[in-house]
């Protein structure tokens, strides 16, 4: 990783999958906003994903009670995401980081987000693209396989949270755009990103292949639909 994706003076590495989403959102959402984090999970390990103090208030929801220990939230709730415990038009913005791939009921989920957003508000998200080799392997293998290999393949610590169950019912660019519009959002802007191949850290040959893929699909927009990560924003009228 240090050889092919060396960290800069600020510790940031090239082909970063986090920076595009958070810079986009932070550049568009004001500091006085009330923001909902859907699928907040535990406290983020990356400091670049910690937003407490950047907005007036951050509220988090997650079906896993681990959300109650998330120190990046001002308020936390255990919720399935389809029945949010908030009144209509409560939030200025909402975001989901690595959550959409775990959603089993896409339209009820998106309609509920649309309901709790104020007019002019926006929903920001990051999720995996079905047409990527990592997602394809994940989609055709059982959850018990993910429990065995996912964290090790990414070189994560032994105390990292185990992977959650995935469904991939919102994970194609055109499909997700249609779902967002069907749920009542006025517009949807999706962008494709190929980050550095962290899932290939388990072996030098696999990592080299991942580097070659990353360089190829990032070289031209003609291959953008083969990039791993979809980031996007859906706006309320």
C-alpha atoms as a PDB file:
ATOM      1  CA  UNK A   1       0.000   0.000   0.000  1.00  0.00           C
ATOM      2  CA  UNK A   2       2.795   2.451   0.888  1.00  0.00           C
ATOM      3  CA  UNK A   3       4.585   1.732  -2.400  1.00  0.00           C
ATOM      4  CA  UNK A   4       1.669   2.138  -4.807  1.00  0.00           C
ATOM      5  CA  UNK A   5      -0.615   4.468  -2.796  1.00  0.00           C
ATOM      6  CA  UNK A   6       1.804   6.516  -0.638  1.00  0.00           C
ATOM      7  CA  UNK A   7       0.303   8.751   2.018  1.00  0.00           C
ATOM      8  CA  UNK A   8       0.732  12.489   1.575  1.00  0.00           C
ATOM      9  CA  UNK A   9       1.717  15.038   4.199  1.00  0.00           C
ATOM     10  CA  UNK A  10      -1.776  14.951   5.683  1.00  0.00           C
ATOM     11  CA  UNK A  11      -1.916  11.151   5.751  1.00  0.00           C
ATOM     12  CA  UNK A  12      -4.295  10.923   2.782  1.00  0.00           C
ATOM     13  CA  UNK A  13      -3.649   8.312   0.092  1.00  0.00           C
ATOM     14  CA  UNK A  14      -4.545   8.411  -3.628  1.00  0.00           C
ATOM     15  CA  UNK A  15      -7.670   6.594  -4.888  1.00  0.00           C
ATOM     16  CA  UNK A  16      -9.487   7.351  -1.646  1.00  0.00           C
ATOM     17  CA  UNK A  17     -13.074   6.141  -1.475  1.00  0.00           C
ATOM     18  CA  UNK A  18     -14.112   8.252   1.515  1.00  0.00           C
ATOM     19  CA  UNK A  19     -12.970  11.742   0.559  1.00  0.00           C
ATOM     20  CA  UNK A  20     -15.252  12.201  -2.508  1.00  0.00           C
ATOM     21  CA  UNK A  21     -18.442  11.608  -0.517  1.00  0.00           C
ATOM     22  CA  UNK A  22     -17.591  13.592   2.600  1.00  0.00           C
ATOM     23  CA  UNK A  23     -16.109  16.584   0.771  1.00  0.00           C
ATOM     24  CA  UNK A  24     -19.176  16.688  -1.483  1.00  0.00           C
ATOM     25  CA  UNK A  25     -21.572  16.567   1.452  1.00  0.00           C
ATOM     26  CA  UNK A  26     -19.643  18.970   3.704  1.00  0.00           C
ATOM     27  CA  UNK A  27     -19.399  21.455   0.852  1.00  0.00           C
ATOM     28  CA  UNK A  28     -23.171  21.476   0.373  1.00  0.00           C
ATOM     29  CA  UNK A  29     -24.642  21.112   3.884  1.00  0.00           C
ATOM     30  CA  UNK A  30     -24.386  24.089   6.240  1.00  0.00           C
ATOM     31  CA  UNK A  31     -22.955  23.926   9.748  1.00  0.00           C
ATOM     32  CA  UNK A  32     -26.338  24.808  11.257  1.00  0.00           C
ATOM     33  CA  UNK A  33     -27.986  21.699   9.756  1.00  0.00           C
ATOM     34  CA  UNK A  34     -29.657  18.864  11.612  1.00  0.00           C
ATOM     35  CA  UNK A  35     -28.408  15.659   9.986  1.00  0.00           C
ATOM     36  CA  UNK A  36     -29.566  12.038  10.116  1.00  0.00           C
ATOM     37  CA  UNK A  37     -27.015   9.218   9.813  1.00  0.00           C
ATOM     38  CA  UNK A  38     -28.874   6.096   8.643  1.00  0.00           C
ATOM     39  CA  UNK A  39     -27.018   2.875   9.378  1.00  0.00           C
ATOM     40  CA  UNK A  40     -24.698   4.715  11.749  1.00  0.00           C
ATOM     41  CA  UNK A  41     -23.326   1.573  13.411  1.00  0.00           C
ATOM     42  CA  UNK A  42     -20.432   1.914  15.881  1.00  0.00           C
ATOM     43  CA  UNK A  43     -18.087   4.909  16.150  1.00  0.00           C
ATOM     44  CA  UNK A  44     -16.280   5.270  12.792  1.00  0.00           C
ATOM     45  CA  UNK A  45     -12.675   4.150  12.847  1.00  0.00           C
ATOM     46  CA  UNK A  46     -11.586   6.717  10.255  1.00  0.00           C
ATOM     47  CA  UNK A  47     -11.384  10.276  11.541  1.00  0.00           C
ATOM     48  CA  UNK A  48     -12.453  11.490   8.080  1.00  0.00           C
ATOM     49  CA  UNK A  49     -15.857   9.837   8.667  1.00  0.00           C
ATOM     50  CA  UNK A  50     -16.447  11.521  12.033  1.00  0.00           C
ATOM     51  CA  UNK A  51     -18.754  14.503  11.644  1.00  0.00           C
ATOM     52  CA  UNK A  52     -19.834  15.384  15.176  1.00  0.00           C
ATOM     53  CA  UNK A  53     -19.282  19.104  15.655  1.00  0.00           C
ATOM     54  CA  UNK A  54     -19.376  19.790  11.917  1.00  0.00           C
ATOM     55  CA  UNK A  55     -23.174  20.226  12.041  1.00  0.00           C
ATOM     56  CA  UNK A  56     -25.558  21.614  14.645  1.00  0.00           C
ATOM     57  CA  UNK A  57     -26.816  18.115  15.487  1.00  0.00           C
ATOM     58  CA  UNK A  58     -26.238  14.580  14.212  1.00  0.00           C
ATOM     59  CA  UNK A  59     -28.808  11.880  14.955  1.00  0.00           C
ATOM     60  CA  UNK A  60     -28.053   8.241  14.149  1.00  0.00           C
ATOM     61  CA  UNK A  61     -30.212   5.161  13.589  1.00  0.00           C
ATOM     62  CA  UNK A  62     -29.269   1.520  13.097  1.00  0.00           C
ATOM     63  CA  UNK A  63     -30.996  -1.848  13.644  1.00  0.00           C
ATOM     64  CA  UNK A  64     -27.953  -2.975  15.657  1.00  0.00           C
ATOM     65  CA  UNK A  65     -27.911  -1.727  19.290  1.00  0.00           C
ATOM     66  CA  UNK A  66     -24.204  -1.014  18.818  1.00  0.00           C
ATOM     67  CA  UNK A  67     -25.327   2.376  17.497  1.00  0.00           C
ATOM     68  CA  UNK A  68     -26.010   3.402  21.104  1.00  0.00           C
ATOM     69  CA  UNK A  69     -22.238   3.371  21.716  1.00  0.00           C
ATOM     70  CA  UNK A  70     -21.447   5.566  18.679  1.00  0.00           C
ATOM     71  CA  UNK A  71     -19.543   8.569  20.042  1.00  0.00           C
ATOM     72  CA  UNK A  72     -19.901  10.481  16.771  1.00  0.00           C
ATOM     73  CA  UNK A  73     -23.623  11.050  17.374  1.00  0.00           C
ATOM     74  CA  UNK A  74     -25.504  13.599  19.465  1.00  0.00           C
ATOM     75  CA  UNK A  75     -28.483  11.223  19.641  1.00  0.00           C
ATOM     76  CA  UNK A  76     -28.883   7.541  18.758  1.00  0.00           C
ATOM     77  CA  UNK A  77     -31.883   5.266  18.099  1.00  0.00           C
ATOM     78  CA  UNK A  78     -32.281   1.569  17.339  1.00  0.00           C
ATOM     79  CA  UNK A  79     -34.474   1.449  14.219  1.00  0.00           C
ATOM     80  CA  UNK A  80     -34.922  -0.744  11.159  1.00  0.00           C
ATOM     81  CA  UNK A  81     -34.747   2.278   8.835  1.00  0.00           C
ATOM     82  CA  UNK A  82     -38.184   1.559   7.385  1.00  0.00           C
ATOM     83  CA  UNK A  83     -40.006   2.997  10.423  1.00  0.00           C
ATOM     84  CA  UNK A  84     -38.009   6.026  11.524  1.00  0.00           C
ATOM     85  CA  UNK A  85     -39.036   7.483  14.923  1.00  0.00           C
ATOM     86  CA  UNK A  86     -39.186  11.085  13.677  1.00  0.00           C
ATOM     87  CA  UNK A  87     -41.841  13.512  12.482  1.00  0.00           C
ATOM     88  CA  UNK A  88     -42.129  14.585   8.861  1.00  0.00           C
ATOM     89  CA  UNK A  89     -39.582  17.158   7.644  1.00  0.00           C
ATOM     90  CA  UNK A  90     -37.305  16.850  10.693  1.00  0.00           C
ATOM     91  CA  UNK A  91     -33.871  16.900   9.016  1.00  0.00           C
ATOM     92  CA  UNK A  92     -31.977  19.190   6.660  1.00  0.00           C
ATOM     93  CA  UNK A  93     -29.882  16.305   5.332  1.00  0.00           C
ATOM     94  CA  UNK A  94     -29.427  12.557   5.706  1.00  0.00           C
ATOM     95  CA  UNK A  95     -26.634  10.199   4.757  1.00  0.00           C
ATOM     96  CA  UNK A  96     -25.877   6.482   4.611  1.00  0.00           C
ATOM     97  CA  UNK A  97     -22.304   5.266   4.375  1.00  0.00           C
ATOM     98  CA  UNK A  98     -22.042   1.591   3.332  1.00  0.00           C
ATOM     99  CA  UNK A  99     -25.680   0.902   4.207  1.00  0.00           C
ATOM    100  CA  UNK A 100     -27.750   0.570   1.009  1.00  0.00           C
ATOM    101  CA  UNK A 101     -26.256  -2.842   0.202  1.00  0.00           C
ATOM    102  CA  UNK A 102     -27.792  -4.175   3.440  1.00  0.00           C
ATOM    103  CA  UNK A 103     -31.345  -2.918   2.747  1.00  0.00           C
ATOM    104  CA  UNK A 104     -33.949  -5.613   2.008  1.00  0.00           C
ATOM    105  CA  UNK A 105     -36.879  -3.232   1.261  1.00  0.00           C
ATOM    106  CA  UNK A 106     -35.538  -0.441  -0.986  1.00  0.00           C
ATOM    107  CA  UNK A 107     -38.650   1.634  -1.704  1.00  0.00           C
ATOM    108  CA  UNK A 108     -40.044   1.710   1.874  1.00  0.00           C
ATOM    109  CA  UNK A 109     -36.538   2.593   3.075  1.00  0.00           C
ATOM    110  CA  UNK A 110     -36.111   5.453   0.598  1.00  0.00           C
ATOM    111  CA  UNK A 111     -39.648   6.773   1.090  1.00  0.00           C
ATOM    112  CA  UNK A 112     -39.060   6.984   4.814  1.00  0.00           C
ATOM    113  CA  UNK A 113     -35.883   8.990   4.285  1.00  0.00           C
ATOM    114  CA  UNK A 114     -37.767  11.272   1.900  1.00  0.00           C
ATOM    115  CA  UNK A 115     -40.498  11.724   4.535  1.00  0.00           C
ATOM    116  CA  UNK A 116     -38.186  12.972   7.297  1.00  0.00           C
ATOM    117  CA  UNK A 117     -36.278  15.415   5.063  1.00  0.00           C
ATOM    118  CA  UNK A 118     -37.291  19.053   4.863  1.00  0.00           C
ATOM    119  CA  UNK A 119     -38.052  20.724   1.495  1.00  0.00           C
ATOM    120  CA  UNK A 120     -34.763  21.370  -0.257  1.00  0.00           C
ATOM    121  CA  UNK A 121     -33.006  18.742   1.848  1.00  0.00           C
ATOM    122  CA  UNK A 122     -30.811  16.007   0.436  1.00  0.00           C
ATOM    123  CA  UNK A 123     -29.866  12.385   1.013  1.00  0.00           C
ATOM    124  CA  UNK A 124     -26.187  11.458   0.523  1.00  0.00           C
ATOM    125  CA  UNK A 125     -24.911   7.903   0.245  1.00  0.00           C
ATOM    126  CA  UNK A 126     -22.076   5.520  -0.582  1.00  0.00           C
ATOM    127  CA  UNK A 127     -22.603   1.901  -1.559  1.00  0.00           C
ATOM    128  CA  UNK A 128     -21.106  -0.888  -3.660  1.00  0.00           C
ATOM    129  CA  UNK A 129     -21.663  -1.391  -7.381  1.00  0.00           C
ATOM    130  CA  UNK A 130     -22.976  -4.829  -8.384  1.00  0.00           C
ATOM    131  CA  UNK A 131     -20.847  -4.817 -11.556  1.00  0.00           C
ATOM    132  CA  UNK A 132     -17.540  -4.953  -9.680  1.00  0.00           C
ATOM    133  CA  UNK A 133     -15.533  -8.109  -9.019  1.00  0.00           C
ATOM    134  CA  UNK A 134     -15.606  -7.671  -5.212  1.00  0.00           C
ATOM    135  CA  UNK A 135     -19.385  -7.171  -5.133  1.00  0.00           C
ATOM    136  CA  UNK A 136     -20.003 -10.046  -7.548  1.00  0.00           C
ATOM    137  CA  UNK A 137     -18.058 -12.429  -5.292  1.00  0.00           C
ATOM    138  CA  UNK A 138     -19.940 -11.146  -2.254  1.00  0.00           C
ATOM    139  CA  UNK A 139     -23.324 -11.470  -3.981  1.00  0.00           C
ATOM    140  CA  UNK A 140     -22.872 -15.137  -4.935  1.00  0.00           C
ATOM    141  CA  UNK A 141     -21.353 -16.348  -1.651  1.00  0.00           C
ATOM    142  CA  UNK A 142     -23.196 -17.023   1.625  1.00  0.00           C
ATOM    143  CA  UNK A 143     -22.948 -14.780   4.667  1.00  0.00           C
ATOM    144  CA  UNK A 144     -20.926 -17.390   6.565  1.00  0.00           C
ATOM    145  CA  UNK A 145     -18.211 -16.970   3.917  1.00  0.00           C
ATOM    146  CA  UNK A 146     -18.223 -13.194   4.471  1.00  0.00           C
ATOM    147  CA  UNK A 147     -17.768 -13.765   8.198  1.00  0.00           C
ATOM    148  CA  UNK A 148     -14.717 -15.894   7.501  1.00  0.00           C
ATOM    149  CA  UNK A 149     -12.877 -13.781   4.937  1.00  0.00           C
ATOM    150  CA  UNK A 150     -14.153 -10.186   4.578  1.00  0.00           C
ATOM    151  CA  UNK A 151     -12.311  -8.549   7.471  1.00  0.00           C
ATOM    152  CA  UNK A 152      -9.138 -10.567   6.905  1.00  0.00           C
ATOM    153  CA  UNK A 153      -9.077  -9.706   3.187  1.00  0.00           C
ATOM    154  CA  UNK A 154      -9.216  -6.007   4.069  1.00  0.00           C
ATOM    155  CA  UNK A 155      -6.465  -6.350   6.665  1.00  0.00           C
ATOM    156  CA  UNK A 156      -8.773  -5.206   9.466  1.00  0.00           C
ATOM    157  CA  UNK A 157      -8.054  -5.681  13.157  1.00  0.00           C
ATOM    158  CA  UNK A 158      -9.361  -8.755  14.961  1.00  0.00           C
ATOM    159  CA  UNK A 159     -11.734  -6.608  17.057  1.00  0.00           C
ATOM    160  CA  UNK A 160     -13.425  -5.059  13.984  1.00  0.00           C
ATOM    161  CA  UNK A 161     -17.185  -5.560  13.755  1.00  0.00           C
ATOM    162  CA  UNK A 162     -18.249  -8.591  11.725  1.00  0.00           C
ATOM    163  CA  UNK A 163     -19.842  -7.900   8.304  1.00  0.00           C
ATOM    164  CA  UNK A 164     -23.584  -7.350   8.253  1.00  0.00           C
ATOM    165  CA  UNK A 165     -25.877  -9.360   5.945  1.00  0.00           C
ATOM    166  CA  UNK A 166     -25.980  -8.002   2.385  1.00  0.00           C
ATOM    167  CA  UNK A 167     -28.879  -8.024  -0.116  1.00  0.00           C
ATOM    168  CA  UNK A 168     -27.673  -5.818  -3.041  1.00  0.00           C
ATOM    169  CA  UNK A 169     -31.191  -4.744  -4.051  1.00  0.00           C
ATOM    170  CA  UNK A 170     -30.174  -1.109  -4.743  1.00  0.00           C
ATOM    171  CA  UNK A 171     -26.718  -1.594  -6.194  1.00  0.00           C
ATOM    172  CA  UNK A 172     -26.890  -0.806  -9.881  1.00  0.00           C
ATOM    173  CA  UNK A 173     -26.519   2.770 -11.060  1.00  0.00           C
ATOM    174  CA  UNK A 174     -29.627   2.927 -13.255  1.00  0.00           C
ATOM    175  CA  UNK A 175     -31.713   0.875 -10.808  1.00  0.00           C
ATOM    176  CA  UNK A 176     -30.853   3.068  -7.817  1.00  0.00           C
ATOM    177  CA  UNK A 177     -31.638   6.210  -9.798  1.00  0.00           C
ATOM    178  CA  UNK A 178     -35.086   4.827 -10.663  1.00  0.00           C
ATOM    179  CA  UNK A 179     -35.708   3.802  -7.058  1.00  0.00           C
ATOM    180  CA  UNK A 180     -34.809   7.249  -5.727  1.00  0.00           C
ATOM    181  CA  UNK A 181     -37.142   8.978  -8.173  1.00  0.00           C
ATOM    182  CA  UNK A 182     -39.919   6.452  -7.459  1.00  0.00           C
ATOM    183  CA  UNK A 183     -39.544   7.180  -3.745  1.00  0.00           C
ATOM    184  CA  UNK A 184     -40.330  10.844  -4.331  1.00  0.00           C
ATOM    185  CA  UNK A 185     -36.941  12.503  -4.648  1.00  0.00           C
ATOM    186  CA  UNK A 186     -36.886  15.260  -7.258  1.00  0.00           C
ATOM    187  CA  UNK A 187     -33.432  14.454  -8.627  1.00  0.00           C
ATOM    188  CA  UNK A 188     -30.558  12.026  -8.217  1.00  0.00           C
ATOM    189  CA  UNK A 189     -26.861  12.542  -8.975  1.00  0.00           C
ATOM    190  CA  UNK A 190     -24.708   9.375  -8.902  1.00  0.00           C
ATOM    191  CA  UNK A 191     -20.941   9.247  -9.358  1.00  0.00           C
ATOM    192  CA  UNK A 192     -18.671   6.220  -9.704  1.00  0.00           C
ATOM    193  CA  UNK A 193     -15.386   5.830  -7.821  1.00  0.00           C
ATOM    194  CA  UNK A 194     -12.760   3.077  -7.915  1.00  0.00           C
ATOM    195  CA  UNK A 195     -10.759   3.246  -4.659  1.00  0.00           C
ATOM    196  CA  UNK A 196      -7.459   1.516  -3.949  1.00  0.00           C
ATOM    197  CA  UNK A 197      -7.919  -2.301  -3.756  1.00  0.00           C
ATOM    198  CA  UNK A 198      -8.113  -2.833   0.003  1.00  0.00           C
ATOM    199  CA  UNK A 199      -9.962  -6.153  -0.447  1.00  0.00           C
ATOM    200  CA  UNK A 200      -6.896  -7.573  -2.224  1.00  0.00           C
ATOM    201  CA  UNK A 201      -4.401  -7.022   0.587  1.00  0.00           C
ATOM    202  CA  UNK A 202      -4.409 -10.720   1.468  1.00  0.00           C
ATOM    203  CA  UNK A 203      -1.839 -11.613  -1.248  1.00  0.00           C
ATOM    204  CA  UNK A 204       0.732  -9.652  -3.336  1.00  0.00           C
ATOM    205  CA  UNK A 205      -0.453 -11.141  -6.654  1.00  0.00           C
ATOM    206  CA  UNK A 206      -4.087 -10.318  -5.876  1.00  0.00           C
ATOM    207  CA  UNK A 207      -3.087  -6.798  -4.835  1.00  0.00           C
ATOM    208  CA  UNK A 208      -1.157  -6.299  -8.093  1.00  0.00           C
ATOM    209  CA  UNK A 209      -4.218  -7.403 -10.070  1.00  0.00           C
ATOM    210  CA  UNK A 210      -6.345  -4.979  -8.044  1.00  0.00           C
ATOM    211  CA  UNK A 211      -3.962  -2.128  -8.827  1.00  0.00           C
ATOM    212  CA  UNK A 212      -4.136  -2.908 -12.555  1.00  0.00           C
ATOM    213  CA  UNK A 213      -7.942  -2.933 -12.420  1.00  0.00           C
ATOM    214  CA  UNK A 214      -8.075   0.326 -10.463  1.00  0.00           C
ATOM    215  CA  UNK A 215      -5.788   2.107 -12.930  1.00  0.00           C
ATOM    216  CA  UNK A 216      -7.752   0.790 -15.927  1.00  0.00           C
ATOM    217  CA  UNK A 217     -11.273   1.729 -14.810  1.00  0.00           C
ATOM    218  CA  UNK A 218     -10.184   5.124 -13.456  1.00  0.00           C
ATOM    219  CA  UNK A 219      -8.398   5.929 -16.726  1.00  0.00           C
ATOM    220  CA  UNK A 220     -11.563   6.449 -18.771  1.00  0.00           C
ATOM    221  CA  UNK A 221     -15.207   7.305 -18.145  1.00  0.00           C
ATOM    222  CA  UNK A 222     -16.166   4.572 -20.626  1.00  0.00           C
ATOM    223  CA  UNK A 223     -15.356   2.049 -17.847  1.00  0.00           C
ATOM    224  CA  UNK A 224     -16.930   4.028 -15.009  1.00  0.00           C
ATOM    225  CA  UNK A 225     -19.797   1.535 -14.581  1.00  0.00           C
ATOM    226  CA  UNK A 226     -17.192  -1.075 -13.583  1.00  0.00           C
ATOM    227  CA  UNK A 227     -15.921   1.002 -10.656  1.00  0.00           C
ATOM    228  CA  UNK A 228     -16.550  -0.354  -7.194  1.00  0.00           C
ATOM    229  CA  UNK A 229     -18.217   2.525  -5.377  1.00  0.00           C
ATOM    230  CA  UNK A 230     -21.356   4.507  -6.073  1.00  0.00           C
ATOM    231  CA  UNK A 231     -21.619   7.833  -4.262  1.00  0.00           C
ATOM    232  CA  UNK A 232     -24.588  10.061  -4.738  1.00  0.00           C
ATOM    233  CA  UNK A 233     -27.005  12.715  -3.658  1.00  0.00           C
ATOM    234  CA  UNK A 234     -30.798  12.750  -4.026  1.00  0.00           C
ATOM    235  CA  UNK A 235     -32.573  16.071  -3.570  1.00  0.00           C
ATOM    236  CA  UNK A 236     -36.038  16.843  -2.171  1.00  0.00           C
ATOM    237  CA  UNK A 237     -37.991  19.485  -4.106  1.00  0.00           C
END
